Amino acid sequence: MARKNLFASVTATLGDDVDRAAVTASEARASYTRRGASRSMIQSLDELAETSMRVLDGETVISLDPGDLDGSFVADRIGDDDEAYSGLREAIRLSGQSTPILVRPHPTDDGRYMIVFGHRRARAARELGLKVRAVVKPLADIEHVIAQGQENTARADLTFIEKAIFASKLQRSGMSRDVLKTALTVDDSLLSRMLSVAEVVPDSVLDALGAAKGVGRDRWEELKKLVLNPSVAQRACQAVKEDGFVASTSDDARFLYLLTALKSSSKSVRPSKQKPAVSAWAPVDQSVSVTAKPKANGLVMEFGNPKGKSFGLWLSSNMDSLFEQYSRSTEKQQTGD
């Protein structure tokens, strides 16, 4: 297949959506701190981002068989919004595919293509028995994930947890944090929070909660803090299998069910405060018993057995001399004598 000759001419452009995405991404990246040894690396990534977000400019839009397409090597969605997807498919059925998808020649399978972005459009075309309008662009893996991440970020339809899991997958695939920040158009602080949530919350819980539309960063942070406790994390894995969770009819309801269950579990596993040790004394003949109970701001002594009361009264009448002995003893300890 002579792809270079096929795409030599300039016949189509992406349209307003990608242009707006490129502008938004450029403005966000301009706010990043550029200093020190990483400056040249960030500048290089910026150049890749600018290129990847405008890859359809001047490229030829062609029709491809959906059967020749494979998904991206790193997924950025958790399931599909059935209602939104149905609307997209119906629009394509009625009016055709207005915006082409972006694909790259498959890196290991000659004659096939890997989708960079536009997975739902490709799925709709396949289900409708249509060809897919696409632009083919040779891209390296880094360019691929930058284009994929920024296109989805620009459309703002990925949830916080989808972006967090996408970032985690990129990191595990060997991508640097600079690549992750550029792909998702986030700063160090937000990226760290995303990775922390994706790595701390158990995978089975993430799978059960899905895309969690309507659940923002703060509530995911709250969940993360709860499951840092291993016993609470285990409870979370059980809670997502319970009838109450499964029967919940919305993402918010499922998330609330889980948080409520975990907060209750967290209270029950809190370690109880240890009671202060109680000391006891008695002479050899057991004629007196003395129990000392530490309190928050003092000490309570109880005197028992036949001579307990008289011994306690004797102590109270000799407090002056006893306190002097105590004072001399502590002074010697402080001076080391």
C-alpha atoms as a PDB file:
ATOM      1  CA  MET A   1       0.000   0.000   0.000  1.00  0.00           C
ATOM      2  CA  ALA A   2       1.536   3.298  -1.129  1.00  0.00           C
ATOM      3  CA  ARG A   3       0.280   5.512   1.683  1.00  0.00           C
ATOM      4  CA  LYS A   4       2.743   8.362   1.041  1.00  0.00           C
ATOM      5  CA  ASN A   5       1.398   8.964  -2.466  1.00  0.00           C
ATOM      6  CA  LEU A   6      -2.179   8.525  -1.267  1.00  0.00           C
ATOM      7  CA  PHE A   7      -1.883  11.426   1.180  1.00  0.00           C
ATOM      8  CA  ALA A   8       0.298  13.780  -0.844  1.00  0.00           C
ATOM      9  CA  SER A   9      -2.454  16.303  -1.606  1.00  0.00           C
ATOM     10  CA  VAL A  10      -4.284  18.669   0.705  1.00  0.00           C
ATOM     11  CA  THR A  11      -8.042  18.219   0.402  1.00  0.00           C
ATOM     12  CA  ALA A  12      -9.711  18.431   3.809  1.00  0.00           C
ATOM     13  CA  THR A  13      -9.537  19.950   7.275  1.00  0.00           C
ATOM     14  CA  LEU A  14     -10.971  18.979  10.612  1.00  0.00           C
ATOM     15  CA  GLY A  15     -13.304  21.864  11.303  1.00  0.00           C
ATOM     16  CA  ASP A  16     -14.088  24.132  14.212  1.00  0.00           C
ATOM     17  CA  ASP A  17     -14.055  21.455  16.954  1.00  0.00           C
ATOM     18  CA  VAL A  18     -10.388  20.578  16.634  1.00  0.00           C
ATOM     19  CA  ASP A  19      -9.383  24.233  16.110  1.00  0.00           C
ATOM     20  CA  ARG A  20     -11.078  25.200  19.356  1.00  0.00           C
ATOM     21  CA  ALA A  21      -9.466  22.221  21.087  1.00  0.00           C
ATOM     22  CA  ALA A  22      -6.036  23.302  19.879  1.00  0.00           C
ATOM     23  CA  VAL A  23      -6.538  26.855  21.135  1.00  0.00           C
ATOM     24  CA  THR A  24      -7.808  25.656  24.528  1.00  0.00           C
ATOM     25  CA  ALA A  25      -4.916  23.221  24.904  1.00  0.00           C
ATOM     26  CA  SER A  26      -2.399  25.893  23.917  1.00  0.00           C
ATOM     27  CA  GLU A  27      -3.752  28.359  26.482  1.00  0.00           C
ATOM     28  CA  ALA A  28      -3.684  25.744  29.241  1.00  0.00           C
ATOM     29  CA  ARG A  29      -0.160  24.646  28.454  1.00  0.00           C
ATOM     30  CA  ALA A  30       1.015  28.245  28.414  1.00  0.00           C
ATOM     31  CA  SER A  31       0.222  28.428  32.130  1.00  0.00           C
ATOM     32  CA  TYR A  32       2.643  25.667  33.058  1.00  0.00           C
ATOM     33  CA  THR A  33       5.789  26.614  34.921  1.00  0.00           C
ATOM     34  CA  ARG A  34       8.777  26.434  32.624  1.00  0.00           C
ATOM     35  CA  ARG A  35      12.026  26.466  34.491  1.00  0.00           C
ATOM     36  CA  GLY A  36      15.145  24.387  35.172  1.00  0.00           C
ATOM     37  CA  ALA A  37      16.334  21.291  33.351  1.00  0.00           C
ATOM     38  CA  SER A  38      12.838  20.196  32.270  1.00  0.00           C
ATOM     39  CA  ARG A  39      12.221  23.300  30.133  1.00  0.00           C
ATOM     40  CA  SER A  40      13.513  21.858  26.895  1.00  0.00           C
ATOM     41  CA  MET A  41      11.564  18.640  27.459  1.00  0.00           C
ATOM     42  CA  ILE A  42       8.318  20.544  28.014  1.00  0.00           C
ATOM     43  CA  GLN A  43       8.949  22.687  24.943  1.00  0.00           C
ATOM     44  CA  SER A  44       9.454  19.537  22.866  1.00  0.00           C
ATOM     45  CA  LEU A  45       6.192  18.100  24.195  1.00  0.00           C
ATOM     46  CA  ASP A  46       4.435  21.376  23.433  1.00  0.00           C
ATOM     47  CA  GLU A  47       5.612  21.120  19.836  1.00  0.00           C
ATOM     48  CA  LEU A  48       4.314  17.548  19.660  1.00  0.00           C
ATOM     49  CA  ALA A  49       1.009  18.680  21.119  1.00  0.00           C
ATOM     50  CA  GLU A  50       0.645  21.504  18.625  1.00  0.00           C
ATOM     51  CA  THR A  51       1.377  19.073  15.806  1.00  0.00           C
ATOM     52  CA  SER A  52      -0.908  16.332  17.104  1.00  0.00           C
ATOM     53  CA  MET A  53      -3.873  18.659  17.648  1.00  0.00           C
ATOM     54  CA  ARG A  54      -3.615  19.941  14.069  1.00  0.00           C
ATOM     55  CA  VAL A  55      -2.818  16.626  12.406  1.00  0.00           C
ATOM     56  CA  LEU A  56      -5.868  16.830  10.184  1.00  0.00           C
ATOM     57  CA  ASP A  57      -4.883  20.169   8.681  1.00  0.00           C
ATOM     58  CA  GLY A  58      -3.805  19.561   5.140  1.00  0.00           C
ATOM     59  CA  GLU A  59      -4.415  15.809   5.279  1.00  0.00           C
ATOM     60  CA  THR A  60      -6.694  13.791   3.014  1.00  0.00           C
ATOM     61  CA  VAL A  61      -9.923  12.380   4.434  1.00  0.00           C
ATOM     62  CA  ILE A  62     -10.506   8.858   3.131  1.00  0.00           C
ATOM     63  CA  SER A  63     -13.059   6.108   3.714  1.00  0.00           C
ATOM     64  CA  LEU A  64     -11.954   3.004   5.603  1.00  0.00           C
ATOM     65  CA  ASP A  65     -13.596  -0.303   6.367  1.00  0.00           C
ATOM     66  CA  PRO A  66     -14.358  -0.399  10.140  1.00  0.00           C
ATOM     67  CA  GLY A  67     -13.123  -3.993  10.107  1.00  0.00           C
ATOM     68  CA  ASP A  68      -9.610  -2.700   9.387  1.00  0.00           C
ATOM     69  CA  LEU A  69      -9.527  -0.589  12.560  1.00  0.00           C
ATOM     70  CA  ASP A  70      -8.207  -1.492  16.000  1.00  0.00           C
ATOM     71  CA  GLY A  71      -8.733   0.537  19.168  1.00  0.00           C
ATOM     72  CA  SER A  72      -6.076   2.723  20.757  1.00  0.00           C
ATOM     73  CA  PHE A  73      -3.365   0.898  22.670  1.00  0.00           C
ATOM     74  CA  VAL A  74      -4.557   2.746  25.797  1.00  0.00           C
ATOM     75  CA  ALA A  75      -8.279   3.154  26.494  1.00  0.00           C
ATOM     76  CA  ASP A  76      -9.578   6.459  27.868  1.00  0.00           C
ATOM     77  CA  ARG A  77     -13.224   5.572  28.483  1.00  0.00           C
ATOM     78  CA  ILE A  78     -14.978   3.387  31.037  1.00  0.00           C
ATOM     79  CA  GLY A  79     -17.938   1.939  29.181  1.00  0.00           C
ATOM     80  CA  ASP A  80     -20.234   4.150  27.149  1.00  0.00           C
ATOM     81  CA  ASP A  81     -23.043   6.550  27.899  1.00  0.00           C
ATOM     82  CA  ASP A  82     -25.781   4.603  26.105  1.00  0.00           C
ATOM     83  CA  GLU A  83     -28.040   7.617  25.618  1.00  0.00           C
ATOM     84  CA  ALA A  84     -25.270   9.844  24.256  1.00  0.00           C
ATOM     85  CA  TYR A  85     -23.977   7.084  22.009  1.00  0.00           C
ATOM     86  CA  SER A  86     -27.452   6.361  20.653  1.00  0.00           C
ATOM     87  CA  GLY A  87     -27.826  10.026  19.774  1.00  0.00           C
ATOM     88  CA  LEU A  88     -24.481  10.039  17.982  1.00  0.00           C
ATOM     89  CA  ARG A  89     -25.298   6.912  15.993  1.00  0.00           C
ATOM     90  CA  GLU A  90     -28.700   8.292  14.984  1.00  0.00           C
ATOM     91  CA  ALA A  91     -27.103  11.550  13.843  1.00  0.00           C
ATOM     92  CA  ILE A  92     -24.617   9.625  11.699  1.00  0.00           C
ATOM     93  CA  ARG A  93     -27.435   7.486  10.271  1.00  0.00           C
ATOM     94  CA  LEU A  94     -29.431  10.538   9.287  1.00  0.00           C
ATOM     95  CA  SER A  95     -26.732  12.982   8.216  1.00  0.00           C
ATOM     96  CA  GLY A  96     -23.556  10.991   7.803  1.00  0.00           C
ATOM     97  CA  GLN A  97     -20.273  11.337   9.685  1.00  0.00           C
ATOM     98  CA  SER A  98     -19.513  15.057   9.677  1.00  0.00           C
ATOM     99  CA  THR A  99     -16.161  14.926  11.499  1.00  0.00           C
ATOM    100  CA  PRO A 100     -13.481  12.417  10.480  1.00  0.00           C
ATOM    101  CA  ILE A 101     -11.664  10.285  13.019  1.00  0.00           C
ATOM    102  CA  LEU A 102      -7.889  10.121  13.324  1.00  0.00           C
ATOM    103  CA  VAL A 103      -6.037   6.847  12.807  1.00  0.00           C
ATOM    104  CA  ARG A 104      -2.419   5.813  12.454  1.00  0.00           C
ATOM    105  CA  PRO A 105      -0.943   2.902  10.502  1.00  0.00           C
ATOM    106  CA  HIS A 106      -0.885  -0.016  12.925  1.00  0.00           C
ATOM    107  CA  PRO A 107       2.634  -0.240  14.409  1.00  0.00           C
ATOM    108  CA  THR A 108       2.790  -4.060  14.216  1.00  0.00           C
ATOM    109  CA  ASP A 109       0.045  -5.226  11.841  1.00  0.00           C
ATOM    110  CA  ASP A 110       0.579  -4.129   8.244  1.00  0.00           C
ATOM    111  CA  GLY A 111      -2.575  -3.145   6.412  1.00  0.00           C
ATOM    112  CA  ARG A 112      -4.496  -2.293   9.571  1.00  0.00           C
ATOM    113  CA  TYR A 113      -4.973   0.990  11.427  1.00  0.00           C
ATOM    114  CA  MET A 114      -5.089   2.005  15.089  1.00  0.00           C
ATOM    115  CA  ILE A 115      -7.661   4.578  16.178  1.00  0.00           C
ATOM    116  CA  VAL A 116      -6.179   7.639  17.891  1.00  0.00           C
ATOM    117  CA  PHE A 117      -9.529   9.274  18.566  1.00  0.00           C
ATOM    118  CA  GLY A 118     -13.053   8.756  17.277  1.00  0.00           C
ATOM    119  CA  HIS A 119     -13.782   5.307  18.706  1.00  0.00           C
ATOM    120  CA  ARG A 120     -17.533   5.925  19.061  1.00  0.00           C
ATOM    121  CA  ARG A 121     -17.834   7.258  15.524  1.00  0.00           C
ATOM    122  CA  ALA A 122     -16.036   4.153  14.269  1.00  0.00           C
ATOM    123  CA  ARG A 123     -18.340   1.909  16.317  1.00  0.00           C
ATOM    124  CA  ALA A 124     -21.447   3.662  14.978  1.00  0.00           C
ATOM    125  CA  ALA A 125     -20.249   3.318  11.382  1.00  0.00           C
ATOM    126  CA  ARG A 126     -19.550  -0.378  11.919  1.00  0.00           C
ATOM    127  CA  GLU A 127     -23.014  -0.973  13.407  1.00  0.00           C
ATOM    128  CA  LEU A 128     -24.663   0.999  10.584  1.00  0.00           C
ATOM    129  CA  GLY A 129     -22.700  -0.819   7.907  1.00  0.00           C
ATOM    130  CA  LEU A 130     -20.978   2.369   6.734  1.00  0.00           C
ATOM    131  CA  LYS A 131     -17.431   3.263   5.826  1.00  0.00           C
ATOM    132  CA  VAL A 132     -15.533   5.410   8.326  1.00  0.00           C
ATOM    133  CA  ARG A 133     -14.295   8.828   7.242  1.00  0.00           C
ATOM    134  CA  ALA A 134     -10.776   9.074   8.608  1.00  0.00           C
ATOM    135  CA  VAL A 135      -7.442  10.800   8.324  1.00  0.00           C
ATOM    136  CA  VAL A 136      -4.390   8.532   8.411  1.00  0.00           C
ATOM    137  CA  LYS A 137      -1.344  10.047  10.057  1.00  0.00           C
ATOM    138  CA  PRO A 138       1.905   8.264  10.975  1.00  0.00           C
ATOM    139  CA  LEU A 139       2.378   8.996  14.690  1.00  0.00           C
ATOM    140  CA  ALA A 140       4.759   7.825  17.393  1.00  0.00           C
ATOM    141  CA  ASP A 141       3.255   6.537  20.632  1.00  0.00           C
ATOM    142  CA  ILE A 142       3.864   9.856  22.418  1.00  0.00           C
ATOM    143  CA  GLU A 143       2.177  11.842  19.647  1.00  0.00           C
ATOM    144  CA  HIS A 144      -0.654   9.322  19.687  1.00  0.00           C
ATOM    145  CA  VAL A 145      -1.448   9.721  23.418  1.00  0.00           C
ATOM    146  CA  ILE A 146      -1.067  13.502  23.307  1.00  0.00           C
ATOM    147  CA  ALA A 147      -3.531  13.779  20.431  1.00  0.00           C
ATOM    148  CA  GLN A 148      -5.919  11.296  22.045  1.00  0.00           C
ATOM    149  CA  GLY A 149      -5.788  12.918  25.481  1.00  0.00           C
ATOM    150  CA  GLN A 150      -6.090  16.505  24.299  1.00  0.00           C
ATOM    151  CA  GLU A 151      -8.928  15.760  21.881  1.00  0.00           C
ATOM    152  CA  ASN A 152     -10.968  14.202  24.688  1.00  0.00           C
ATOM    153  CA  THR A 153      -9.997  16.918  27.177  1.00  0.00           C
ATOM    154  CA  ALA A 154     -11.047  19.586  24.691  1.00  0.00           C
ATOM    155  CA  ARG A 155     -14.471  17.990  24.316  1.00  0.00           C
ATOM    156  CA  ALA A 156     -14.715  17.885  28.136  1.00  0.00           C
ATOM    157  CA  ASP A 157     -16.841  14.720  28.121  1.00  0.00           C
ATOM    158  CA  LEU A 158     -14.490  12.483  30.071  1.00  0.00           C
ATOM    159  CA  THR A 159     -15.118  12.307  33.812  1.00  0.00           C
ATOM    160  CA  PHE A 160     -12.486  12.869  36.483  1.00  0.00           C
ATOM    161  CA  ILE A 161     -12.010   9.162  37.109  1.00  0.00           C
ATOM    162  CA  GLU A 162     -11.756   8.353  33.393  1.00  0.00           C
ATOM    163  CA  LYS A 163      -8.964  10.899  33.062  1.00  0.00           C
ATOM    164  CA  ALA A 164      -7.322   9.542  36.229  1.00  0.00           C
ATOM    165  CA  ILE A 165      -7.374   5.958  34.958  1.00  0.00           C
ATOM    166  CA  PHE A 166      -6.139   7.102  31.540  1.00  0.00           C
ATOM    167  CA  ALA A 167      -3.214   8.869  33.257  1.00  0.00           C
ATOM    168  CA  SER A 168      -2.457   5.767  35.318  1.00  0.00           C
ATOM    169  CA  LYS A 169      -2.433   3.554  32.212  1.00  0.00           C
ATOM    170  CA  LEU A 170      -0.085   5.950  30.434  1.00  0.00           C
ATOM    171  CA  GLN A 171       2.275   5.971  33.404  1.00  0.00           C
ATOM    172  CA  ARG A 172       2.304   2.170  33.577  1.00  0.00           C
ATOM    173  CA  SER A 173       3.053   2.044  29.839  1.00  0.00           C
ATOM    174  CA  GLY A 174       6.229   4.011  30.498  1.00  0.00           C
ATOM    175  CA  MET A 175       5.123   7.536  29.567  1.00  0.00           C
ATOM    176  CA  SER A 176       6.771  10.335  31.555  1.00  0.00           C
ATOM    177  CA  ARG A 177       4.852  12.731  33.790  1.00  0.00           C
ATOM    178  CA  ASP A 178       5.566  15.530  31.313  1.00  0.00           C
ATOM    179  CA  VAL A 179       3.807  13.528  28.585  1.00  0.00           C
ATOM    180  CA  LEU A 180       0.878  12.863  30.938  1.00  0.00           C
ATOM    181  CA  LYS A 181       0.532  16.561  31.813  1.00  0.00           C
ATOM    182  CA  THR A 182       0.627  17.583  28.172  1.00  0.00           C
ATOM    183  CA  ALA A 183      -1.853  14.912  27.083  1.00  0.00           C
ATOM    184  CA  LEU A 184      -4.370  15.778  29.799  1.00  0.00           C
ATOM    185  CA  THR A 185      -3.588  19.508  29.967  1.00  0.00           C
ATOM    186  CA  VAL A 186      -3.150  19.426  33.745  1.00  0.00           C
ATOM    187  CA  ASP A 187      -0.502  20.651  36.182  1.00  0.00           C
ATOM    188  CA  ASP A 188       1.643  18.607  38.588  1.00  0.00           C
ATOM    189  CA  SER A 189      -0.758  18.965  41.503  1.00  0.00           C
ATOM    190  CA  LEU A 190      -3.854  17.751  39.662  1.00  0.00           C
ATOM    191  CA  LEU A 191      -1.927  14.956  37.954  1.00  0.00           C
ATOM    192  CA  SER A 192      -0.677  13.718  41.342  1.00  0.00           C
ATOM    193  CA  ARG A 193      -4.231  13.682  42.671  1.00  0.00           C
ATOM    194  CA  MET A 194      -5.477  11.795  39.636  1.00  0.00           C
ATOM    195  CA  LEU A 195      -2.771   9.147  39.891  1.00  0.00           C
ATOM    196  CA  SER A 196      -3.259   8.804  43.643  1.00  0.00           C
ATOM    197  CA  VAL A 197      -6.988   8.105  43.301  1.00  0.00           C
ATOM    198  CA  ALA A 198      -6.529   5.657  40.421  1.00  0.00           C
ATOM    199  CA  GLU A 199      -3.816   3.745  42.261  1.00  0.00           C
ATOM    200  CA  VAL A 200      -5.353   3.662  45.769  1.00  0.00           C
ATOM    201  CA  VAL A 201      -8.990   2.780  45.020  1.00  0.00           C
ATOM    202  CA  PRO A 202      -9.225  -0.998  44.326  1.00  0.00           C
ATOM    203  CA  ASP A 203      -9.711  -1.947  40.668  1.00  0.00           C
ATOM    204  CA  SER A 204     -12.909  -3.883  41.421  1.00  0.00           C
ATOM    205  CA  VAL A 205     -14.410  -0.750  42.988  1.00  0.00           C
ATOM    206  CA  LEU A 206     -13.373   1.398  40.019  1.00  0.00           C
ATOM    207  CA  ASP A 207     -14.943  -1.105  37.632  1.00  0.00           C
ATOM    208  CA  ALA A 208     -18.190  -1.171  39.626  1.00  0.00           C
ATOM    209  CA  LEU A 209     -18.485   2.618  39.823  1.00  0.00           C
ATOM    210  CA  GLY A 210     -17.706   3.059  36.127  1.00  0.00           C
ATOM    211  CA  ALA A 211     -17.393   6.503  34.591  1.00  0.00           C
ATOM    212  CA  ALA A 212     -19.310   7.990  37.549  1.00  0.00           C
ATOM    213  CA  LYS A 213     -20.706  10.958  35.661  1.00  0.00           C
ATOM    214  CA  GLY A 214     -21.553  13.732  38.097  1.00  0.00           C
ATOM    215  CA  VAL A 215     -19.008  12.558  40.689  1.00  0.00           C
ATOM    216  CA  GLY A 216     -16.268  15.150  40.951  1.00  0.00           C
ATOM    217  CA  ARG A 217     -12.714  15.219  42.225  1.00  0.00           C
ATOM    218  CA  ASP A 218     -13.561  16.063  45.859  1.00  0.00           C
ATOM    219  CA  ARG A 219     -15.747  13.011  46.384  1.00  0.00           C
ATOM    220  CA  TRP A 220     -13.169  10.750  44.738  1.00  0.00           C
ATOM    221  CA  GLU A 221     -10.579  12.218  47.123  1.00  0.00           C
ATOM    222  CA  GLU A 222     -12.910  11.419  50.035  1.00  0.00           C
ATOM    223  CA  LEU A 223     -13.247   7.813  48.844  1.00  0.00           C
ATOM    224  CA  LYS A 224      -9.484   7.504  48.428  1.00  0.00           C
ATOM    225  CA  LYS A 225      -8.843   8.646  52.014  1.00  0.00           C
ATOM    226  CA  LEU A 226     -11.305   6.080  53.339  1.00  0.00           C
ATOM    227  CA  VAL A 227      -9.836   3.109  51.448  1.00  0.00           C
ATOM    228  CA  LEU A 228      -6.309   3.921  52.582  1.00  0.00           C
ATOM    229  CA  ASN A 229      -7.338   1.792  55.570  1.00  0.00           C
ATOM    230  CA  PRO A 230      -6.896  -1.830  54.345  1.00  0.00           C
ATOM    231  CA  SER A 231      -9.953  -3.095  56.231  1.00  0.00           C
ATOM    232  CA  VAL A 232     -12.102  -0.320  54.726  1.00  0.00           C
ATOM    233  CA  ALA A 233     -10.729  -1.109  51.248  1.00  0.00           C
ATOM    234  CA  GLN A 234     -11.803  -4.726  51.760  1.00  0.00           C
ATOM    235  CA  ARG A 235     -15.245  -3.532  52.849  1.00  0.00           C
ATOM    236  CA  ALA A 236     -15.477  -1.433  49.659  1.00  0.00           C
ATOM    237  CA  CYS A 237     -14.868  -4.508  47.508  1.00  0.00           C
ATOM    238  CA  GLN A 238     -17.756  -6.233  49.313  1.00  0.00           C
ATOM    239  CA  ALA A 239     -20.102  -3.226  49.228  1.00  0.00           C
ATOM    240  CA  VAL A 240     -20.095  -2.948  45.420  1.00  0.00           C
ATOM    241  CA  LYS A 241     -21.536  -6.476  45.220  1.00  0.00           C
ATOM    242  CA  GLU A 242     -24.424  -5.808  47.589  1.00  0.00           C
ATOM    243  CA  ASP A 243     -28.003  -5.596  46.361  1.00  0.00           C
ATOM    244  CA  GLY A 244     -28.363  -1.985  47.533  1.00  0.00           C
ATOM    245  CA  PHE A 245     -25.404  -0.901  45.400  1.00  0.00           C
ATOM    246  CA  VAL A 246     -26.441  -2.904  42.341  1.00  0.00           C
ATOM    247  CA  ALA A 247     -30.034  -1.688  42.572  1.00  0.00           C
ATOM    248  CA  SER A 248     -29.021   1.993  42.658  1.00  0.00           C
ATOM    249  CA  THR A 249     -30.296   3.708  39.533  1.00  0.00           C
ATOM    250  CA  SER A 250     -27.680   6.436  39.084  1.00  0.00           C
ATOM    251  CA  ASP A 251     -23.950   7.012  39.424  1.00  0.00           C
ATOM    252  CA  ASP A 252     -24.553   9.441  42.285  1.00  0.00           C
ATOM    253  CA  ALA A 253     -26.733   6.925  44.134  1.00  0.00           C
ATOM    254  CA  ARG A 254     -24.157   4.147  43.786  1.00  0.00           C
ATOM    255  CA  PHE A 255     -21.358   6.412  44.952  1.00  0.00           C
ATOM    256  CA  LEU A 256     -23.418   7.612  47.930  1.00  0.00           C
ATOM    257  CA  TYR A 257     -24.285   4.030  48.886  1.00  0.00           C
ATOM    258  CA  LEU A 258     -20.606   3.113  48.873  1.00  0.00           C
ATOM    259  CA  LEU A 259     -19.489   6.160  50.869  1.00  0.00           C
ATOM    260  CA  THR A 260     -22.192   5.565  53.489  1.00  0.00           C
ATOM    261  CA  ALA A 261     -21.175   1.929  53.872  1.00  0.00           C
ATOM    262  CA  LEU A 262     -17.496   2.810  54.187  1.00  0.00           C
ATOM    263  CA  LYS A 263     -18.005   5.617  56.689  1.00  0.00           C
ATOM    264  CA  SER A 264     -19.955   3.240  58.902  1.00  0.00           C
ATOM    265  CA  SER A 265     -17.246   0.624  58.514  1.00  0.00           C
ATOM    266  CA  SER A 266     -14.526   3.181  59.241  1.00  0.00           C
ATOM    267  CA  LYS A 267     -16.152   4.089  62.572  1.00  0.00           C
ATOM    268  CA  SER A 268     -16.423   0.467  63.617  1.00  0.00           C
ATOM    269  CA  VAL A 269     -12.752  -0.281  62.976  1.00  0.00           C
ATOM    270  CA  ARG A 270     -11.335   2.718  64.759  1.00  0.00           C
ATOM    271  CA  PRO A 271      -9.013   1.542  67.542  1.00  0.00           C
ATOM    272  CA  SER A 272     -10.449   2.128  70.995  1.00  0.00           C
ATOM    273  CA  LYS A 273      -8.479   4.289  73.351  1.00  0.00           C
ATOM    274  CA  GLN A 274      -6.483   2.265  75.837  1.00  0.00           C
ATOM    275  CA  LYS A 275      -7.477   2.808  79.433  1.00  0.00           C
ATOM    276  CA  PRO A 276      -4.651   4.075  81.656  1.00  0.00           C
ATOM    277  CA  ALA A 277      -2.971   1.299  83.595  1.00  0.00           C
ATOM    278  CA  VAL A 278      -4.218   0.923  87.176  1.00  0.00           C
ATOM    279  CA  SER A 279      -1.538   0.223  89.786  1.00  0.00           C
ATOM    280  CA  ALA A 280      -2.098  -1.499  93.126  1.00  0.00           C
ATOM    281  CA  TRP A 281      -0.049  -1.930  96.304  1.00  0.00           C
ATOM    282  CA  ALA A 282      -0.402  -3.908  99.513  1.00  0.00           C
ATOM    283  CA  PRO A 283       1.983  -4.770 102.377  1.00  0.00           C
ATOM    284  CA  VAL A 284       3.008  -8.342 103.110  1.00  0.00           C
ATOM    285  CA  ASP A 285       0.308  -8.831 105.732  1.00  0.00           C
ATOM    286  CA  GLN A 286      -2.379  -7.525 103.291  1.00  0.00           C
ATOM    287  CA  SER A 287      -3.745  -5.260 106.033  1.00  0.00           C
ATOM    288  CA  VAL A 288      -3.936  -2.350 103.579  1.00  0.00           C
ATOM    289  CA  SER A 289      -4.678  -2.176  99.869  1.00  0.00           C
ATOM    290  CA  VAL A 290      -4.030   0.915  97.726  1.00  0.00           C
ATOM    291  CA  THR A 291      -5.247   1.335  94.173  1.00  0.00           C
ATOM    292  CA  ALA A 292      -4.027   4.247  92.007  1.00  0.00           C
ATOM    293  CA  LYS A 293      -6.168   5.161  88.976  1.00  0.00           C
ATOM    294  CA  PRO A 294      -4.744   7.770  86.550  1.00  0.00           C
ATOM    295  CA  LYS A 295      -7.260  10.343  85.296  1.00  0.00           C
ATOM    296  CA  ALA A 296      -7.018  12.953  82.548  1.00  0.00           C
ATOM    297  CA  ASN A 297      -5.629  15.606  84.890  1.00  0.00           C
ATOM    298  CA  GLY A 298      -4.723  13.743  88.054  1.00  0.00           C
ATOM    299  CA  LEU A 299      -4.719  10.544  90.065  1.00  0.00           C
ATOM    300  CA  VAL A 300      -7.306   8.909  92.325  1.00  0.00           C
ATOM    301  CA  MET A 301      -6.158   6.653  95.161  1.00  0.00           C
ATOM    302  CA  GLU A 302      -8.451   4.235  96.955  1.00  0.00           C
ATOM    303  CA  PHE A 303      -7.609   2.617 100.298  1.00  0.00           C
ATOM    304  CA  GLY A 304      -9.095  -0.698 101.337  1.00  0.00           C
ATOM    305  CA  ASN A 305      -8.826  -3.648 103.730  1.00  0.00           C
ATOM    306  CA  PRO A 306      -8.999  -3.291 107.552  1.00  0.00           C
ATOM    307  CA  LYS A 307      -6.347  -0.597 107.928  1.00  0.00           C
ATOM    308  CA  GLY A 308      -7.001   1.190 104.641  1.00  0.00           C
ATOM    309  CA  LYS A 309      -9.044   4.040 106.061  1.00  0.00           C
ATOM    310  CA  SER A 310      -6.653   4.787 108.933  1.00  0.00           C
ATOM    311  CA  PHE A 311      -3.642   4.580 106.578  1.00  0.00           C
ATOM    312  CA  GLY A 312      -5.262   7.037 104.188  1.00  0.00           C
ATOM    313  CA  LEU A 313      -6.003   9.463 107.033  1.00  0.00           C
ATOM    314  CA  TRP A 314      -2.393   9.176 108.221  1.00  0.00           C
ATOM    315  CA  LEU A 315      -1.151  10.007 104.724  1.00  0.00           C
ATOM    316  CA  SER A 316      -3.382  13.072 104.486  1.00  0.00           C
ATOM    317  CA  SER A 317      -2.159  14.358 107.865  1.00  0.00           C
ATOM    318  CA  ASN A 318       1.489  13.965 106.863  1.00  0.00           C
ATOM    319  CA  MET A 319       1.309  15.540 103.427  1.00  0.00           C
ATOM    320  CA  ASP A 320       3.733  18.356 104.263  1.00  0.00           C
ATOM    321  CA  SER A 321       6.616  16.077 105.194  1.00  0.00           C
ATOM    322  CA  LEU A 322       5.833  13.617 102.397  1.00  0.00           C
ATOM    323  CA  PHE A 323       5.799  16.405  99.819  1.00  0.00           C
ATOM    324  CA  GLU A 324       9.185  17.665 101.091  1.00  0.00           C
ATOM    325  CA  GLN A 325      10.608  14.172 100.624  1.00  0.00           C
ATOM    326  CA  TYR A 326       9.128  14.068  97.122  1.00  0.00           C
ATOM    327  CA  SER A 327      10.600  17.490  96.264  1.00  0.00           C
ATOM    328  CA  ARG A 328      14.087  16.519  97.507  1.00  0.00           C
ATOM    329  CA  SER A 329      13.875  13.298  95.494  1.00  0.00           C
ATOM    330  CA  THR A 330      12.989  15.071  92.241  1.00  0.00           C
ATOM    331  CA  GLU A 331      15.732  17.694  92.778  1.00  0.00           C
ATOM    332  CA  LYS A 332      18.328  14.942  93.118  1.00  0.00           C
ATOM    333  CA  GLN A 333      17.078  13.337  89.887  1.00  0.00           C
ATOM    334  CA  GLN A 334      17.329  16.635  87.997  1.00  0.00           C
ATOM    335  CA  THR A 335      20.866  17.412  89.265  1.00  0.00           C
ATOM    336  CA  GLY A 336      22.083  13.844  88.839  1.00  0.00           C
ATOM    337  CA  ASP A 337      23.210  13.504  92.499  1.00  0.00           C
END
